[in-house]
């Protein structure tokens, strides 16, 4: 399927940056953060969510298989149940009894209750005089499997229109709708585009601080609520009502948008990513790329 290019969504240049070179693109000098190319690429990636499997308590730790053995077991289960998953993109141990695995292709992503944002579409420039319920009914006439409707209003600028975001359960209908590129609501033929997610933060799931990932983290694995260190994968001292931010020490989750450190980091990351997109240093990626 031929992809439609949007503003700041350009194909990569022919030049390739060598793996050992990670140039940084930082915001103006009055900001304190700088971001290497790995952080910028991760910010505009759209990876599919991962799945987790957990071995029950009766299974002794010494009998828990390795990641490779788990991947082989999963492939056999998929084959026996005729699940159309050709290959796994990742299978790693994520705890004493827990393993995490992922797939690359949208067609192989199977999750009944929720869909990742890369399945979301947006009908743009719906006139304000068209009721949202009417607009939703018109969308369902065109795309019967559309779900999860929400309106997008732009409070920072005056507009006589609004956008509607929704997800599509059928990959075939999702792709066909985007190929057509237009959707009729009332007397208006409105543009239909993919939903572009916000820039993703780089953070560690061990210490919950921003700016680096778990594989580079020197801290022990900690509770995401109270930041207490885990012992054998369990934090017995955690209190459900206790929240400590790893960035500022405040009474909220470490990645909460109300955190002033996270808020400033997001602002600076957006400036750096926008600069990288405009200069073709990186581009938004799709699952499987």
Protein backbone atom coordinates (compact mmCIF):
# COMPACT_ATOMS: atom_id res chain seq x y z
CA UNK A 1 0.00 0.00 0.00
CA UNK A 2 1.38 3.34 -0.97
CA UNK A 3 1.73 5.54 2.09
CA UNK A 4 0.60 9.15 2.05
CA UNK A 5 3.27 11.54 3.22
CA UNK A 6 2.29 14.18 5.72
CA UNK A 7 4.03 17.28 6.96
CA UNK A 8 7.29 16.35 8.64
CA UNK A 9 6.90 12.77 7.37
CA UNK A 10 9.59 12.39 4.73
CA UNK A 11 11.33 9.31 3.35
CA UNK A 12 14.88 8.81 4.61
CA UNK A 13 17.82 10.13 2.66
CA UNK A 14 20.21 7.78 0.91
CA UNK A 15 23.01 8.59 3.32
CA UNK A 16 23.27 6.17 6.24
CA UNK A 17 24.53 7.20 9.67
CA UNK A 18 27.10 4.73 10.96
CA UNK A 19 26.00 2.79 14.02
CA UNK A 20 28.80 4.08 16.23
CA UNK A 21 27.95 7.72 15.45
CA UNK A 22 25.04 9.12 17.45
CA UNK A 23 24.79 12.85 16.68
CA UNK A 24 22.76 14.90 19.13
CA UNK A 25 20.11 17.42 18.23
CA UNK A 26 19.46 19.65 21.17
CA UNK A 27 17.03 22.49 21.78
CA UNK A 28 18.25 26.08 22.26
CA UNK A 29 21.05 26.64 24.76
CA UNK A 30 18.76 27.72 27.60
CA UNK A 31 17.44 24.14 27.86
CA UNK A 32 19.39 21.51 29.76
CA UNK A 33 18.60 18.32 27.81
CA UNK A 34 20.16 17.01 24.61
CA UNK A 35 18.96 13.95 22.73
CA UNK A 36 20.97 11.45 20.70
CA UNK A 37 19.55 9.92 17.53
CA UNK A 38 18.35 6.76 19.28
CA UNK A 39 16.13 8.83 21.57
CA UNK A 40 14.73 10.82 18.63
CA UNK A 41 13.96 7.69 16.60
CA UNK A 42 12.29 6.05 19.59
CA UNK A 43 10.14 9.15 20.11
CA UNK A 44 8.48 8.78 16.68
CA UNK A 45 8.33 4.98 16.54
CA UNK A 46 4.98 3.17 16.55
CA UNK A 47 5.84 -0.27 17.82
CA UNK A 48 3.01 -2.66 18.56
CA UNK A 49 2.43 -3.39 22.27
CA UNK A 50 4.01 -6.50 23.75
CA UNK A 51 2.34 -9.58 25.23
CA UNK A 52 3.24 -11.28 28.50
CA UNK A 53 2.98 -14.89 29.65
CA UNK A 54 3.51 -16.06 33.22
CA UNK A 55 4.39 -19.53 34.44
CA UNK A 56 2.24 -20.62 37.40
CA UNK A 57 3.64 -21.07 40.91
CA UNK A 58 3.60 -24.92 40.76
CA UNK A 59 6.35 -24.72 38.14
CA UNK A 60 9.65 -24.81 40.00
CA UNK A 61 12.17 -22.08 39.05
CA UNK A 62 14.67 -24.67 37.82
CA UNK A 63 12.05 -26.02 35.40
CA UNK A 64 11.20 -22.64 33.85
CA UNK A 65 12.39 -22.74 30.21
CA UNK A 66 14.72 -20.27 28.55
CA UNK A 67 13.59 -17.49 26.21
CA UNK A 68 14.44 -19.61 23.15
CA UNK A 69 12.47 -22.55 24.50
CA UNK A 70 9.50 -20.27 25.25
CA UNK A 71 9.62 -18.90 21.68
CA UNK A 72 9.57 -22.46 20.29
CA UNK A 73 6.64 -23.34 22.57
CA UNK A 74 4.71 -20.25 21.42
CA UNK A 75 5.24 -21.08 17.74
CA UNK A 76 3.89 -24.58 18.33
CA UNK A 77 0.84 -23.18 20.13
CA UNK A 78 0.19 -20.73 17.29
CA UNK A 79 0.49 -23.52 14.72
CA UNK A 80 -1.74 -25.94 16.61
CA UNK A 81 -4.45 -23.31 17.07
CA UNK A 82 -4.13 -21.97 13.49
CA UNK A 83 -3.19 -18.50 14.69
CA UNK A 84 -1.68 -16.62 11.70
CA UNK A 85 1.53 -15.47 13.37
CA UNK A 86 4.55 -16.23 11.20
CA UNK A 87 7.36 -15.10 13.46
CA UNK A 88 8.13 -13.30 16.70
CA UNK A 89 10.12 -10.09 16.75
CA UNK A 90 11.10 -10.50 20.40
CA UNK A 91 10.94 -13.03 23.23
CA UNK A 92 12.77 -12.15 26.45
CA UNK A 93 12.49 -12.96 30.14
CA UNK A 94 10.90 -10.10 32.11
CA UNK A 95 10.90 -11.47 35.64
CA UNK A 96 11.44 -14.76 37.42
CA UNK A 97 8.33 -16.36 35.87
CA UNK A 98 7.30 -13.83 33.25
CA UNK A 99 8.27 -13.61 29.57
CA UNK A 100 7.57 -10.82 27.10
CA UNK A 101 7.10 -11.38 23.37
CA UNK A 102 6.08 -9.24 20.41
CA UNK A 103 5.18 -9.36 16.73
CA UNK A 104 6.03 -6.84 14.01
CA UNK A 105 3.14 -6.96 11.56
CA UNK A 106 -0.27 -5.37 12.12
CA UNK A 107 -1.92 -8.37 10.49
CA UNK A 108 -0.41 -10.58 13.22
CA UNK A 109 -1.45 -8.40 16.14
CA UNK A 110 -4.40 -10.10 17.84
CA UNK A 111 -5.93 -8.50 20.92
CA UNK A 112 -9.69 -8.53 21.31
CA UNK A 113 -10.38 -5.76 23.81
CA UNK A 114 -7.98 -2.96 22.88
CA UNK A 115 -6.11 -1.83 19.81
CA UNK A 116 -2.82 0.07 19.64
CA UNK A 117 -2.75 3.65 18.38
CA UNK A 118 -1.23 2.57 15.07
CA UNK A 119 -4.71 1.28 14.14
CA UNK A 120 -6.30 4.68 14.83
CA UNK A 121 -7.61 7.00 12.13
CA UNK A 122 -8.77 10.61 12.22
CA UNK A 123 -11.53 12.32 10.23
CA UNK A 124 -10.44 15.93 9.98
CA UNK A 125 -12.23 19.28 9.76
CA UNK A 126 -15.73 18.18 10.83
CA UNK A 127 -17.83 21.40 11.02
CA UNK A 128 -18.87 22.34 14.56
CA UNK A 129 -22.53 22.51 13.50
CA UNK A 130 -22.50 18.73 12.87
CA UNK A 131 -23.36 16.86 16.07
CA UNK A 132 -20.73 14.34 17.19
CA UNK A 133 -23.33 11.53 17.39
CA UNK A 134 -24.40 12.21 13.80
CA UNK A 135 -20.77 12.27 12.68
CA UNK A 136 -20.15 8.93 14.41
CA UNK A 137 -23.19 7.37 12.71
CA UNK A 138 -21.94 8.58 9.32
CA UNK A 139 -18.51 7.06 9.97
CA UNK A 140 -20.10 3.73 10.95
CA UNK A 141 -22.02 3.66 7.67
CA UNK A 142 -18.69 3.77 5.84
CA UNK A 143 -16.57 1.75 8.29
CA UNK A 144 -18.89 -0.61 10.23
CA UNK A 145 -16.14 -1.97 12.52
CA UNK A 146 -15.01 1.47 13.74
CA UNK A 147 -14.86 1.69 17.56
CA UNK A 148 -13.50 3.93 20.31
CA UNK A 149 -14.69 7.32 19.04
CA UNK A 150 -13.36 10.50 20.61
CA UNK A 151 -13.37 14.12 19.46
CA UNK A 152 -10.25 16.25 19.20
CA UNK A 153 -10.69 19.95 19.94
CA UNK A 154 -7.85 22.43 19.51
CA UNK A 155 -8.14 24.93 22.35
CA UNK A 156 -4.90 26.72 21.51
CA UNK A 157 -6.33 28.11 18.28
CA UNK A 158 -9.72 29.15 16.99
CA UNK A 159 -11.23 26.65 14.56
CA UNK A 160 -14.72 26.23 13.15
CA UNK A 161 -14.12 22.49 12.94
CA UNK A 162 -13.08 19.54 15.08
CA UNK A 163 -11.52 16.12 14.41
CA UNK A 164 -12.82 12.66 15.30
CA UNK A 165 -10.45 9.84 16.27
CA UNK A 166 -11.41 6.16 16.16
CA UNK A 167 -9.87 2.71 15.75
CA UNK A 168 -10.70 -0.02 13.24
CA UNK A 169 -10.83 -3.74 14.12
CA UNK A 170 -10.55 -4.94 10.52
CA UNK A 171 -7.12 -4.52 8.95
CA UNK A 172 -8.68 -4.75 5.48
CA UNK A 173 -11.18 -1.96 6.19
CA UNK A 174 -8.49 0.12 7.90
CA UNK A 175 -6.15 -0.06 4.91
CA UNK A 176 -8.90 0.48 2.32
CA UNK A 177 -10.26 3.54 4.13
CA UNK A 178 -6.80 5.11 4.23
CA UNK A 179 -6.27 4.33 0.54
CA UNK A 180 -9.49 6.17 -0.33
CA UNK A 181 -8.41 9.04 1.90
CA UNK A 182 -11.86 10.65 2.16
CA UNK A 183 -15.00 10.06 4.18
CA UNK A 184 -18.43 11.64 3.68
CA UNK A 185 -20.18 13.29 6.63
CA UNK A 186 -23.34 15.19 5.73
CA UNK A 187 -22.63 17.22 2.62
CA UNK A 188 -18.91 17.28 3.29
CA UNK A 189 -16.20 15.00 1.90
CA UNK A 190 -13.57 15.15 4.63
CA UNK A 191 -9.95 13.93 4.70
CA UNK A 192 -9.19 10.70 6.56
CA UNK A 193 -5.64 10.24 7.87
CA UNK A 194 -3.72 8.05 10.27
CA UNK A 195 -3.53 9.13 13.90
CA UNK A 196 -0.06 10.32 14.85
CA UNK A 197 0.76 9.57 18.47
CA UNK A 198 2.64 11.88 20.76
CA UNK A 199 6.40 11.56 20.95
CA UNK A 200 7.42 8.62 23.13
CA UNK A 201 9.59 9.18 26.17
CA UNK A 202 12.81 7.30 26.77
CA UNK A 203 12.81 5.97 30.33
CA UNK A 204 14.03 3.07 32.43
CA UNK A 205 11.59 0.49 33.78
CA UNK A 206 14.11 -0.25 36.53
CA UNK A 207 14.59 3.15 38.20
CA UNK A 208 11.72 4.93 36.30
CA UNK A 209 13.89 7.93 35.45
CA UNK A 210 13.71 9.56 32.01
CA UNK A 211 16.61 9.88 29.60
CA UNK A 212 17.82 6.27 29.43
CA UNK A 213 16.46 2.74 29.10
CA UNK A 214 16.59 -0.32 31.30
CA UNK A 215 19.49 -1.97 29.46
CA UNK A 216 21.67 1.06 30.30
CA UNK A 217 20.37 1.50 33.85
CA UNK A 218 22.72 0.89 36.77
CA UNK A 219 19.96 0.96 39.41
CA UNK A 220 18.14 -2.08 40.84
CA UNK A 221 14.62 -2.85 39.65
CA UNK A 222 12.20 -0.75 41.69
CA UNK A 223 8.46 -0.48 42.27
CA UNK A 224 6.86 2.01 39.88
CA UNK A 225 4.74 3.39 42.73
CA UNK A 226 6.98 3.76 45.79
CA UNK A 227 10.38 3.23 44.08
CA UNK A 228 11.29 0.60 46.67
CA UNK A 229 13.73 -2.04 45.36
CA UNK A 230 12.41 -5.48 44.50
CA UNK A 231 13.70 -8.56 46.32
CA UNK A 232 13.49 -11.71 44.20
CA UNK A 233 11.02 -9.94 41.94
CA UNK A 234 8.69 -8.93 44.80
CA UNK A 235 8.31 -5.67 46.73
CA UNK A 236 6.68 -6.57 50.05
CA UNK A 237 6.89 -3.06 51.54
CA UNK A 238 4.88 -1.23 48.83
CA UNK A 239 1.77 0.60 50.00
CA UNK A 240 -0.89 1.08 47.33
CA UNK A 241 -1.54 4.70 48.33
CA UNK A 242 2.13 5.68 48.34
CA UNK A 243 3.42 7.39 45.18
CA UNK A 244 6.92 8.80 44.75
CA UNK A 245 8.12 10.41 41.51
CA UNK A 246 11.61 9.36 40.43
CA UNK A 247 12.10 12.73 38.72
CA UNK A 248 11.04 15.29 41.34
CA UNK A 249 10.08 13.25 44.42
CA UNK A 250 6.47 14.42 44.22
CA UNK A 251 3.36 12.45 45.16
CA UNK A 252 2.57 11.11 41.69
CA UNK A 253 3.77 8.47 39.23
CA UNK A 254 7.25 9.01 37.79
CA UNK A 255 5.97 9.53 34.22
CA UNK A 256 2.88 11.58 35.11
CA UNK A 257 2.32 14.62 32.88
CA UNK A 258 1.81 16.80 35.96
CA UNK A 259 5.48 16.33 36.90
CA UNK A 260 7.36 19.58 36.07
CA UNK A 261 10.49 17.64 35.08
CA UNK A 262 8.55 15.38 32.69
CA UNK A 263 6.67 18.38 31.28
CA UNK A 264 9.90 20.23 30.52
CA UNK A 265 11.50 17.09 29.08
CA UNK A 266 8.54 16.61 26.72
CA UNK A 267 8.75 20.22 25.55
CA UNK A 268 12.45 19.93 24.82
CA UNK A 269 12.03 16.51 23.18
CA UNK A 270 9.36 17.93 20.86
CA UNK A 271 11.67 20.74 19.76
CA UNK A 272 14.51 18.30 19.06
CA UNK A 273 12.29 15.77 17.24
CA UNK A 274 10.61 18.45 15.11
CA UNK A 275 14.07 19.68 14.13
CA UNK A 276 15.18 16.13 13.25
CA UNK A 277 12.04 15.50 11.16
CA UNK A 278 12.38 18.81 9.32
CA UNK A 279 16.03 18.07 8.46
CA UNK A 280 15.29 14.46 7.36
CA UNK A 281 17.58 13.19 10.12
CA UNK A 282 14.78 10.79 11.12
CA UNK A 283 11.20 10.00 10.18
CA UNK A 284 8.11 8.45 11.69
CA UNK A 285 8.26 4.69 11.42
CA UNK A 286 5.47 2.17 11.07
CA UNK A 287 5.22 -1.27 12.71
CA UNK A 288 7.39 -3.76 10.88
CA UNK A 289 9.86 -1.18 9.61
